[in-house]
Amino acid sequence: MDFGSGNNRRLINVSEIGRHIETKQDGLSKAIVGFRALTGCDFTSCFYRKGKAKPLELLENSQQYVQCLSSLCTNEMDIRGLTSFVSRLYRFKAISDIKEARYKSFLKIRGCKGKTAGKKVKKINCSSLSLCEKVLLQHLLRSQYVYMLWINALELDPTMGRCPTNYGWKNNGNGYFIPHWFNGESLPQKVNTDDEKIAETVDEGTEIREDDAENYGDHDAVNFIEGEYDADTDIEEDLNVDDMLFEDGEQSDDAWSDDSESEDDDEDTI
């Protein structure tokens, strides 16, 4: 490969680099192309706060993941194995179900162990959670498409007749393809139905049902009726409760935490 210009111009022996990579794991030189597409490139997004150094180390030490990443260039990609690899990026071992990894990510941020409630968290950065199943599927399809483009770069038609709309993209109507993040609704129908019941009002939102008013409390119900209800009201009240003394004279040890997942939490493993 001809690289650089002027006095910095040199030839890089790519074949020699490929042979050196193969000494670490058989098939690694092929899998590393899929690794690049999966973990983020010019065409695919990366995983939030997940770089490439540690995932690459994970790939180099596992023949199983080498085979999974290599399957991206085939019509039968190993979705289960790729899901397991993505779960490892979020430091969950032996989990091939991305739903379970996402649930455990949430418990980790909440500071929970099992089903017991942990520390209170004022804010949760949902970007720190692992991808949900249907979003991950579209990401895998985009990675597969890009991988196939790269390995067929010397062909007259690198796409080999494949349409991007079948691989995680959609046409925005202006001649460009943008990511299609997931199929279906963003929320389960039951959640939407419950929200509609809570927000149901009479006379264009000037009244609220009695049972909803009981749930919100008198003060919150008034704010809700006037269109000024804000969850921060509850937060301020909870902060005041934490500062109050119990009847026995002892202060609450359930202090409110204003911190979400710390920077060091990524080093923990569930």
C-alpha atoms as a PDB file:
ATOM      1  CA  MET A   1       0.000   0.000   0.000  1.00  0.00           C
ATOM      2  CA  ASP A   2       1.392   3.393  -1.064  1.00  0.00           C
ATOM      3  CA  PHE A   3       1.149   5.693   1.942  1.00  0.00           C
ATOM      4  CA  GLY A   4       2.152   9.316   2.593  1.00  0.00           C
ATOM      5  CA  SER A   5       3.778  11.878   0.335  1.00  0.00           C
ATOM      6  CA  GLY A   6       7.121  13.543  -0.191  1.00  0.00           C
ATOM      7  CA  ASN A   7       9.832  12.457   2.233  1.00  0.00           C
ATOM      8  CA  ASN A   8       7.187  10.628   4.301  1.00  0.00           C
ATOM      9  CA  ARG A   9       6.043   8.432   1.433  1.00  0.00           C
ATOM     10  CA  ARG A  10       6.490   4.706   2.037  1.00  0.00           C
ATOM     11  CA  LEU A  11       5.131   1.322   1.059  1.00  0.00           C
ATOM     12  CA  ILE A  12       3.290  -0.694   3.716  1.00  0.00           C
ATOM     13  CA  ASN A  13       3.273  -4.451   3.304  1.00  0.00           C
ATOM     14  CA  VAL A  14      -0.358  -5.188   4.131  1.00  0.00           C
ATOM     15  CA  SER A  15       0.097  -8.891   3.406  1.00  0.00           C
ATOM     16  CA  GLU A  16       2.808  -9.114   6.056  1.00  0.00           C
ATOM     17  CA  ILE A  17       0.519  -7.379   8.560  1.00  0.00           C
ATOM     18  CA  GLY A  18      -2.230  -9.883   7.749  1.00  0.00           C
ATOM     19  CA  ARG A  19       0.130 -12.828   8.306  1.00  0.00           C
ATOM     20  CA  HIS A  20       1.197 -11.378  11.650  1.00  0.00           C
ATOM     21  CA  ILE A  21      -2.438 -10.978  12.755  1.00  0.00           C
ATOM     22  CA  GLU A  22      -3.148 -14.588  11.817  1.00  0.00           C
ATOM     23  CA  THR A  23      -0.486 -15.758  14.273  1.00  0.00           C
ATOM     24  CA  LYS A  24      -2.733 -14.599  17.135  1.00  0.00           C
ATOM     25  CA  GLN A  25      -5.921 -16.356  16.014  1.00  0.00           C
ATOM     26  CA  ASP A  26      -6.832 -18.254  12.865  1.00  0.00           C
ATOM     27  CA  GLY A  27      -9.236 -16.134  10.834  1.00  0.00           C
ATOM     28  CA  LEU A  28      -8.549 -12.961  12.841  1.00  0.00           C
ATOM     29  CA  SER A  29      -7.518 -10.955   9.777  1.00  0.00           C
ATOM     30  CA  LYS A  30     -10.968 -11.594   8.307  1.00  0.00           C
ATOM     31  CA  ALA A  31     -12.870 -11.066  11.539  1.00  0.00           C
ATOM     32  CA  ILE A  32     -11.151  -7.736  12.242  1.00  0.00           C
ATOM     33  CA  VAL A  33     -12.902  -6.240   9.200  1.00  0.00           C
ATOM     34  CA  GLY A  34     -16.278  -7.110  10.695  1.00  0.00           C
ATOM     35  CA  PHE A  35     -15.021  -5.864  14.062  1.00  0.00           C
ATOM     36  CA  ARG A  36     -14.336  -2.455  12.523  1.00  0.00           C
ATOM     37  CA  ALA A  37     -17.834  -2.258  11.027  1.00  0.00           C
ATOM     38  CA  LEU A  38     -19.548  -3.442  14.212  1.00  0.00           C
ATOM     39  CA  THR A  39     -17.770  -1.198  16.730  1.00  0.00           C
ATOM     40  CA  GLY A  40     -18.101   1.967  14.647  1.00  0.00           C
ATOM     41  CA  CYS A  41     -16.764   3.454  11.423  1.00  0.00           C
ATOM     42  CA  ASP A  42     -17.680   6.165   8.912  1.00  0.00           C
ATOM     43  CA  PHE A  43     -20.891   4.322   8.047  1.00  0.00           C
ATOM     44  CA  THR A  44     -21.991   2.786  11.347  1.00  0.00           C
ATOM     45  CA  SER A  45     -22.344   4.250  14.816  1.00  0.00           C
ATOM     46  CA  CYS A  46     -20.232   3.176  17.764  1.00  0.00           C
ATOM     47  CA  PHE A  47     -21.418   1.971  21.143  1.00  0.00           C
ATOM     48  CA  TYR A  48     -21.661   4.808  23.663  1.00  0.00           C
ATOM     49  CA  ARG A  49     -18.409   5.179  25.647  1.00  0.00           C
ATOM     50  CA  LYS A  50     -17.071   1.923  24.229  1.00  0.00           C
ATOM     51  CA  GLY A  51     -13.760   2.205  22.430  1.00  0.00           C
ATOM     52  CA  LYS A  52     -11.894  -0.367  20.388  1.00  0.00           C
ATOM     53  CA  ALA A  53      -8.841  -1.327  22.438  1.00  0.00           C
ATOM     54  CA  LYS A  54     -10.521  -3.596  25.006  1.00  0.00           C
ATOM     55  CA  PRO A  55     -13.030  -5.111  22.545  1.00  0.00           C
ATOM     56  CA  LEU A  56     -10.116  -5.897  20.201  1.00  0.00           C
ATOM     57  CA  GLU A  57      -8.263  -7.597  23.053  1.00  0.00           C
ATOM     58  CA  LEU A  58     -11.390  -9.614  23.744  1.00  0.00           C
ATOM     59  CA  LEU A  59     -11.584 -10.638  20.089  1.00  0.00           C
ATOM     60  CA  GLU A  60      -7.912 -11.645  19.903  1.00  0.00           C
ATOM     61  CA  ASN A  61      -8.297 -14.003  22.854  1.00  0.00           C
ATOM     62  CA  SER A  62     -11.443 -15.820  21.723  1.00  0.00           C
ATOM     63  CA  GLN A  63     -11.740 -18.099  18.711  1.00  0.00           C
ATOM     64  CA  GLN A  64     -15.497 -18.155  19.265  1.00  0.00           C
ATOM     65  CA  TYR A  65     -15.801 -14.409  18.729  1.00  0.00           C
ATOM     66  CA  VAL A  66     -13.483 -14.594  15.713  1.00  0.00           C
ATOM     67  CA  GLN A  67     -15.958 -16.956  14.087  1.00  0.00           C
ATOM     68  CA  CYS A  68     -18.924 -14.748  15.104  1.00  0.00           C
ATOM     69  CA  LEU A  69     -17.399 -11.606  13.581  1.00  0.00           C
ATOM     70  CA  SER A  70     -16.429 -13.519  10.448  1.00  0.00           C
ATOM     71  CA  SER A  71     -20.069 -14.575  10.014  1.00  0.00           C
ATOM     72  CA  LEU A  72     -20.991 -10.963   9.257  1.00  0.00           C
ATOM     73  CA  CYS A  73     -19.804 -11.459   5.676  1.00  0.00           C
ATOM     74  CA  THR A  74     -22.151 -14.397   5.152  1.00  0.00           C
ATOM     75  CA  ASN A  75     -25.899 -14.660   4.675  1.00  0.00           C
ATOM     76  CA  GLU A  76     -26.157 -16.577   7.955  1.00  0.00           C
ATOM     77  CA  MET A  77     -24.608 -14.311  10.547  1.00  0.00           C
ATOM     78  CA  ASP A  78     -24.374 -15.664  14.076  1.00  0.00           C
ATOM     79  CA  ILE A  79     -26.805 -13.298  15.815  1.00  0.00           C
ATOM     80  CA  ARG A  80     -26.612 -15.136  19.130  1.00  0.00           C
ATOM     81  CA  GLY A  81     -22.813 -15.071  19.154  1.00  0.00           C
ATOM     82  CA  LEU A  82     -22.675 -11.422  18.099  1.00  0.00           C
ATOM     83  CA  THR A  83     -25.158 -10.551  20.844  1.00  0.00           C
ATOM     84  CA  SER A  84     -22.902 -12.279  23.349  1.00  0.00           C
ATOM     85  CA  PHE A  85     -19.932 -10.246  22.072  1.00  0.00           C
ATOM     86  CA  VAL A  86     -21.846  -6.973  22.438  1.00  0.00           C
ATOM     87  CA  SER A  87     -22.867  -7.975  25.972  1.00  0.00           C
ATOM     88  CA  ARG A  88     -19.193  -8.471  26.802  1.00  0.00           C
ATOM     89  CA  LEU A  89     -18.543  -4.888  25.703  1.00  0.00           C
ATOM     90  CA  TYR A  90     -20.816  -3.890  28.591  1.00  0.00           C
ATOM     91  CA  ARG A  91     -18.838  -6.228  30.894  1.00  0.00           C
ATOM     92  CA  PHE A  92     -21.420  -8.986  31.224  1.00  0.00           C
ATOM     93  CA  LYS A  93     -20.035 -12.490  30.920  1.00  0.00           C
ATOM     94  CA  ALA A  94     -21.888 -15.507  29.589  1.00  0.00           C
ATOM     95  CA  ILE A  95     -24.964 -13.503  28.552  1.00  0.00           C
ATOM     96  CA  SER A  96     -26.279 -14.090  25.052  1.00  0.00           C
ATOM     97  CA  ASP A  97     -29.630 -12.396  25.729  1.00  0.00           C
ATOM     98  CA  ILE A  98     -29.312  -8.647  25.156  1.00  0.00           C
ATOM     99  CA  LYS A  99     -32.532  -8.068  27.108  1.00  0.00           C
ATOM    100  CA  GLU A 100     -30.943  -9.543  30.217  1.00  0.00           C
ATOM    101  CA  ALA A 101     -27.794  -7.467  29.678  1.00  0.00           C
ATOM    102  CA  ARG A 102     -29.887  -4.309  29.340  1.00  0.00           C
ATOM    103  CA  TYR A 103     -31.833  -5.149  32.513  1.00  0.00           C
ATOM    104  CA  LYS A 104     -28.634  -5.773  34.463  1.00  0.00           C
ATOM    105  CA  SER A 105     -27.200  -2.499  33.130  1.00  0.00           C
ATOM    106  CA  PHE A 106     -30.212  -0.720  34.602  1.00  0.00           C
ATOM    107  CA  LEU A 107     -29.801  -2.470  37.969  1.00  0.00           C
ATOM    108  CA  LYS A 108     -26.135  -1.533  37.975  1.00  0.00           C
ATOM    109  CA  ILE A 109     -26.917   2.154  37.499  1.00  0.00           C
ATOM    110  CA  ARG A 110     -29.613   1.959  40.166  1.00  0.00           C
ATOM    111  CA  GLY A 111     -27.192   0.320  42.560  1.00  0.00           C
ATOM    112  CA  CYS A 112     -29.490  -2.675  42.980  1.00  0.00           C
ATOM    113  CA  LYS A 113     -28.574  -6.233  43.819  1.00  0.00           C
ATOM    114  CA  GLY A 114     -31.094  -8.714  42.494  1.00  0.00           C
ATOM    115  CA  LYS A 115     -34.576  -7.296  42.979  1.00  0.00           C
ATOM    116  CA  THR A 116     -33.778  -5.240  46.075  1.00  0.00           C
ATOM    117  CA  ALA A 117     -33.893  -1.472  45.787  1.00  0.00           C
ATOM    118  CA  GLY A 118     -30.555   0.285  46.000  1.00  0.00           C
ATOM    119  CA  LYS A 119     -29.475   3.876  46.155  1.00  0.00           C
ATOM    120  CA  LYS A 120     -31.766   6.597  44.905  1.00  0.00           C
ATOM    121  CA  VAL A 121     -30.699   8.091  41.587  1.00  0.00           C
ATOM    122  CA  LYS A 122     -31.953  11.450  40.462  1.00  0.00           C
ATOM    123  CA  LYS A 123     -30.890  10.996  36.843  1.00  0.00           C
ATOM    124  CA  ILE A 124     -30.210   7.947  34.715  1.00  0.00           C
ATOM    125  CA  ASN A 125     -28.220   8.266  31.518  1.00  0.00           C
ATOM    126  CA  CYS A 126     -30.013   5.786  29.280  1.00  0.00           C
ATOM    127  CA  SER A 127     -27.137   5.969  26.789  1.00  0.00           C
ATOM    128  CA  SER A 128     -25.118   3.899  29.260  1.00  0.00           C
ATOM    129  CA  LEU A 129     -27.540   0.997  28.899  1.00  0.00           C
ATOM    130  CA  SER A 130     -26.832  -1.720  26.372  1.00  0.00           C
ATOM    131  CA  LEU A 131     -28.859  -1.664  23.172  1.00  0.00           C
ATOM    132  CA  CYS A 132     -32.290  -3.225  23.156  1.00  0.00           C
ATOM    133  CA  GLU A 133     -32.848  -6.272  20.967  1.00  0.00           C
ATOM    134  CA  LYS A 134     -34.553  -4.621  17.995  1.00  0.00           C
ATOM    135  CA  VAL A 135     -32.059  -1.733  17.846  1.00  0.00           C
ATOM    136  CA  LEU A 136     -29.123  -4.151  18.002  1.00  0.00           C
ATOM    137  CA  LEU A 137     -30.585  -6.191  15.135  1.00  0.00           C
ATOM    138  CA  GLN A 138     -30.641  -3.149  12.830  1.00  0.00           C
ATOM    139  CA  HIS A 139     -27.100  -2.270  13.874  1.00  0.00           C
ATOM    140  CA  LEU A 140     -25.941  -5.785  12.994  1.00  0.00           C
ATOM    141  CA  LEU A 141     -27.599  -5.516   9.587  1.00  0.00           C
ATOM    142  CA  ARG A 142     -25.839  -2.202   8.873  1.00  0.00           C
ATOM    143  CA  SER A 143     -22.524  -3.721   9.968  1.00  0.00           C
ATOM    144  CA  GLN A 144     -23.116  -6.690   7.701  1.00  0.00           C
ATOM    145  CA  TYR A 145     -23.800  -4.453   4.703  1.00  0.00           C
ATOM    146  CA  VAL A 146     -20.653  -2.362   5.263  1.00  0.00           C
ATOM    147  CA  TYR A 147     -18.552  -5.497   5.761  1.00  0.00           C
ATOM    148  CA  MET A 148     -19.749  -6.887   2.431  1.00  0.00           C
ATOM    149  CA  LEU A 149     -18.968  -3.575   0.713  1.00  0.00           C
ATOM    150  CA  TRP A 150     -15.396  -3.688   1.957  1.00  0.00           C
ATOM    151  CA  ILE A 151     -14.618  -7.291   1.031  1.00  0.00           C
ATOM    152  CA  ASN A 152     -16.104  -6.718  -2.447  1.00  0.00           C
ATOM    153  CA  ALA A 153     -14.372  -3.363  -2.977  1.00  0.00           C
ATOM    154  CA  LEU A 154     -12.565  -4.589  -6.104  1.00  0.00           C
ATOM    155  CA  GLU A 155     -15.780  -5.806  -7.741  1.00  0.00           C
ATOM    156  CA  LEU A 156     -17.625  -3.796 -10.388  1.00  0.00           C
ATOM    157  CA  ASP A 157     -20.673  -3.693  -8.100  1.00  0.00           C
ATOM    158  CA  PRO A 158     -19.469  -3.896  -4.468  1.00  0.00           C
ATOM    159  CA  THR A 159     -23.056  -4.052  -3.215  1.00  0.00           C
ATOM    160  CA  MET A 160     -23.588  -7.298  -5.171  1.00  0.00           C
ATOM    161  CA  GLY A 161     -27.162  -6.157  -5.843  1.00  0.00           C
ATOM    162  CA  ARG A 162     -28.031  -5.703  -2.176  1.00  0.00           C
ATOM    163  CA  CYS A 163     -30.377  -2.847  -1.259  1.00  0.00           C
ATOM    164  CA  PRO A 164     -29.474  -0.732   1.823  1.00  0.00           C
ATOM    165  CA  THR A 165     -33.119  -0.626   2.881  1.00  0.00           C
ATOM    166  CA  ASN A 166     -32.866  -4.338   3.658  1.00  0.00           C
ATOM    167  CA  TYR A 167     -29.850  -3.752   5.871  1.00  0.00           C
ATOM    168  CA  GLY A 168     -30.821  -1.199   8.492  1.00  0.00           C
ATOM    169  CA  TRP A 169     -31.179   1.963   6.419  1.00  0.00           C
ATOM    170  CA  LYS A 170     -34.094   3.902   4.999  1.00  0.00           C
ATOM    171  CA  ASN A 171     -34.366   6.479   2.227  1.00  0.00           C
ATOM    172  CA  ASN A 172     -35.099   9.971   3.523  1.00  0.00           C
ATOM    173  CA  GLY A 173     -36.613  11.038   0.182  1.00  0.00           C
ATOM    174  CA  ASN A 174     -33.696  13.304  -0.764  1.00  0.00           C
ATOM    175  CA  GLY A 175     -31.457  10.650  -2.221  1.00  0.00           C
ATOM    176  CA  TYR A 176     -29.749   9.817   1.084  1.00  0.00           C
ATOM    177  CA  PHE A 177     -29.961   6.786   3.312  1.00  0.00           C
ATOM    178  CA  ILE A 178     -30.280   7.318   7.057  1.00  0.00           C
ATOM    179  CA  PRO A 179     -30.242   4.700   9.841  1.00  0.00           C
ATOM    180  CA  HIS A 180     -33.468   2.841  10.472  1.00  0.00           C
ATOM    181  CA  TRP A 181     -33.165   2.367  14.205  1.00  0.00           C
ATOM    182  CA  PHE A 182     -35.804  -0.276  14.877  1.00  0.00           C
ATOM    183  CA  ASN A 183     -39.030  -1.863  13.667  1.00  0.00           C
ATOM    184  CA  GLY A 184     -42.279  -1.456  15.579  1.00  0.00           C
ATOM    185  CA  GLU A 185     -43.376   0.928  18.314  1.00  0.00           C
ATOM    186  CA  SER A 186     -40.949   2.656  20.654  1.00  0.00           C
ATOM    187  CA  LEU A 187     -43.101   1.756  23.672  1.00  0.00           C
ATOM    188  CA  PRO A 188     -45.240  -1.304  24.408  1.00  0.00           C
ATOM    189  CA  GLN A 189     -48.939  -0.732  23.806  1.00  0.00           C
ATOM    190  CA  LYS A 190     -49.709  -1.301  27.485  1.00  0.00           C
ATOM    191  CA  VAL A 191     -47.416   1.577  28.524  1.00  0.00           C
ATOM    192  CA  ASN A 192     -49.061   3.911  26.018  1.00  0.00           C
ATOM    193  CA  THR A 193     -52.507   2.908  27.274  1.00  0.00           C
ATOM    194  CA  ASP A 194     -51.560   3.527  30.914  1.00  0.00           C
ATOM    195  CA  ASP A 195     -50.128   6.963  30.065  1.00  0.00           C
ATOM    196  CA  GLU A 196     -53.310   7.910  28.233  1.00  0.00           C
ATOM    197  CA  LYS A 197     -55.419   6.934  31.230  1.00  0.00           C
ATOM    198  CA  ILE A 198     -53.302   9.006  33.616  1.00  0.00           C
ATOM    199  CA  ALA A 199     -53.373  12.042  31.338  1.00  0.00           C
ATOM    200  CA  GLU A 200     -57.103  11.762  30.593  1.00  0.00           C
ATOM    201  CA  THR A 201     -58.840  15.033  31.401  1.00  0.00           C
ATOM    202  CA  VAL A 202     -62.248  16.592  30.920  1.00  0.00           C
ATOM    203  CA  ASP A 203     -63.147  19.906  29.280  1.00  0.00           C
ATOM    204  CA  GLU A 204     -59.880  20.383  27.349  1.00  0.00           C
ATOM    205  CA  GLY A 205     -57.595  19.559  30.259  1.00  0.00           C
ATOM    206  CA  THR A 206     -59.120  21.854  32.886  1.00  0.00           C
ATOM    207  CA  GLU A 207     -60.175  19.007  35.176  1.00  0.00           C
ATOM    208  CA  ILE A 208     -58.684  15.760  36.340  1.00  0.00           C
ATOM    209  CA  ARG A 209     -60.323  12.561  37.451  1.00  0.00           C
ATOM    210  CA  GLU A 210     -60.719  12.094  41.204  1.00  0.00           C
ATOM    211  CA  ASP A 211     -58.753   8.854  41.335  1.00  0.00           C
ATOM    212  CA  ASP A 212     -55.834  10.495  39.481  1.00  0.00           C
ATOM    213  CA  ALA A 213     -55.937  13.450  41.852  1.00  0.00           C
ATOM    214  CA  GLU A 214     -55.613  11.073  44.793  1.00  0.00           C
ATOM    215  CA  ASN A 215     -52.544   9.511  43.175  1.00  0.00           C
ATOM    216  CA  TYR A 216     -50.852  12.843  42.590  1.00  0.00           C
ATOM    217  CA  GLY A 217     -51.867  14.498  45.852  1.00  0.00           C
ATOM    218  CA  ASP A 218     -53.676  17.829  46.250  1.00  0.00           C
ATOM    219  CA  HIS A 219     -50.717  20.058  45.399  1.00  0.00           C
ATOM    220  CA  ASP A 220     -49.594  18.003  42.404  1.00  0.00           C
ATOM    221  CA  ALA A 221     -53.164  17.650  41.137  1.00  0.00           C
ATOM    222  CA  VAL A 222     -53.539  21.448  41.016  1.00  0.00           C
ATOM    223  CA  ASN A 223     -50.304  21.793  39.088  1.00  0.00           C
ATOM    224  CA  PHE A 224     -51.388  19.025  36.728  1.00  0.00           C
ATOM    225  CA  ILE A 225     -54.752  20.709  36.086  1.00  0.00           C
ATOM    226  CA  GLU A 226     -53.086  24.025  35.333  1.00  0.00           C
ATOM    227  CA  GLY A 227     -50.606  22.360  33.022  1.00  0.00           C
ATOM    228  CA  GLU A 228     -47.655  23.126  35.288  1.00  0.00           C
ATOM    229  CA  TYR A 229     -46.938  19.708  36.733  1.00  0.00           C
ATOM    230  CA  ASP A 230     -43.212  19.058  36.961  1.00  0.00           C
ATOM    231  CA  ALA A 231     -41.429  16.015  38.306  1.00  0.00           C
ATOM    232  CA  ASP A 232     -38.864  18.347  39.933  1.00  0.00           C
ATOM    233  CA  THR A 233     -41.521  19.202  42.527  1.00  0.00           C
ATOM    234  CA  ASP A 234     -41.333  15.641  43.802  1.00  0.00           C
ATOM    235  CA  ILE A 235     -37.552  15.768  43.759  1.00  0.00           C
ATOM    236  CA  GLU A 236     -37.445  18.888  45.938  1.00  0.00           C
ATOM    237  CA  GLU A 237     -39.892  17.331  48.391  1.00  0.00           C
ATOM    238  CA  ASP A 238     -37.803  14.155  48.594  1.00  0.00           C
ATOM    239  CA  LEU A 239     -34.706  16.219  49.271  1.00  0.00           C
ATOM    240  CA  ASN A 240     -36.486  17.935  52.133  1.00  0.00           C
ATOM    241  CA  VAL A 241     -37.593  14.604  53.550  1.00  0.00           C
ATOM    242  CA  ASP A 242     -34.012  13.330  53.558  1.00  0.00           C
ATOM    243  CA  ASP A 243     -32.951  16.338  55.655  1.00  0.00           C
ATOM    244  CA  MET A 244     -35.692  15.827  58.266  1.00  0.00           C
ATOM    245  CA  LEU A 245     -35.135  14.115  61.581  1.00  0.00           C
ATOM    246  CA  PHE A 246     -37.072  11.055  62.602  1.00  0.00           C
ATOM    247  CA  GLU A 247     -39.085  11.043  65.812  1.00  0.00           C
ATOM    248  CA  ASP A 248     -36.279   9.238  67.635  1.00  0.00           C
ATOM    249  CA  GLY A 249     -33.926  12.098  66.796  1.00  0.00           C
ATOM    250  CA  GLU A 250     -31.874  10.244  64.201  1.00  0.00           C
ATOM    251  CA  GLN A 251     -31.369  11.631  60.723  1.00  0.00           C
ATOM    252  CA  SER A 252     -32.297   9.604  57.672  1.00  0.00           C
ATOM    253  CA  ASP A 253     -29.369   7.646  56.308  1.00  0.00           C
ATOM    254  CA  ASP A 254     -31.136   7.309  52.957  1.00  0.00           C
ATOM    255  CA  ALA A 255     -29.399  10.313  51.463  1.00  0.00           C
ATOM    256  CA  TRP A 256     -30.394  11.434  48.029  1.00  0.00           C
ATOM    257  CA  SER A 257     -27.749  10.841  45.410  1.00  0.00           C
ATOM    258  CA  ASP A 258     -27.383  13.344  42.595  1.00  0.00           C
ATOM    259  CA  ASP A 259     -24.990  11.088  40.732  1.00  0.00           C
ATOM    260  CA  SER A 260     -25.731   8.628  37.980  1.00  0.00           C
ATOM    261  CA  GLU A 261     -23.301   5.903  36.988  1.00  0.00           C
ATOM    262  CA  SER A 262     -19.766   6.966  37.907  1.00  0.00           C
ATOM    263  CA  GLU A 263     -16.802   6.764  35.567  1.00  0.00           C
ATOM    264  CA  ASP A 264     -15.342   3.868  37.562  1.00  0.00           C
ATOM    265  CA  ASP A 265     -18.500   1.774  37.382  1.00  0.00           C
ATOM    266  CA  ASP A 266     -17.414   0.540  33.965  1.00  0.00           C
ATOM    267  CA  GLU A 267     -14.699  -1.461  35.643  1.00  0.00           C
ATOM    268  CA  ASP A 268     -17.183  -3.542  37.619  1.00  0.00           C
ATOM    269  CA  THR A 269     -18.559  -6.815  36.331  1.00  0.00           C
ATOM    270  CA  ILE A 270     -21.924  -8.265  37.169  1.00  0.00           C
END
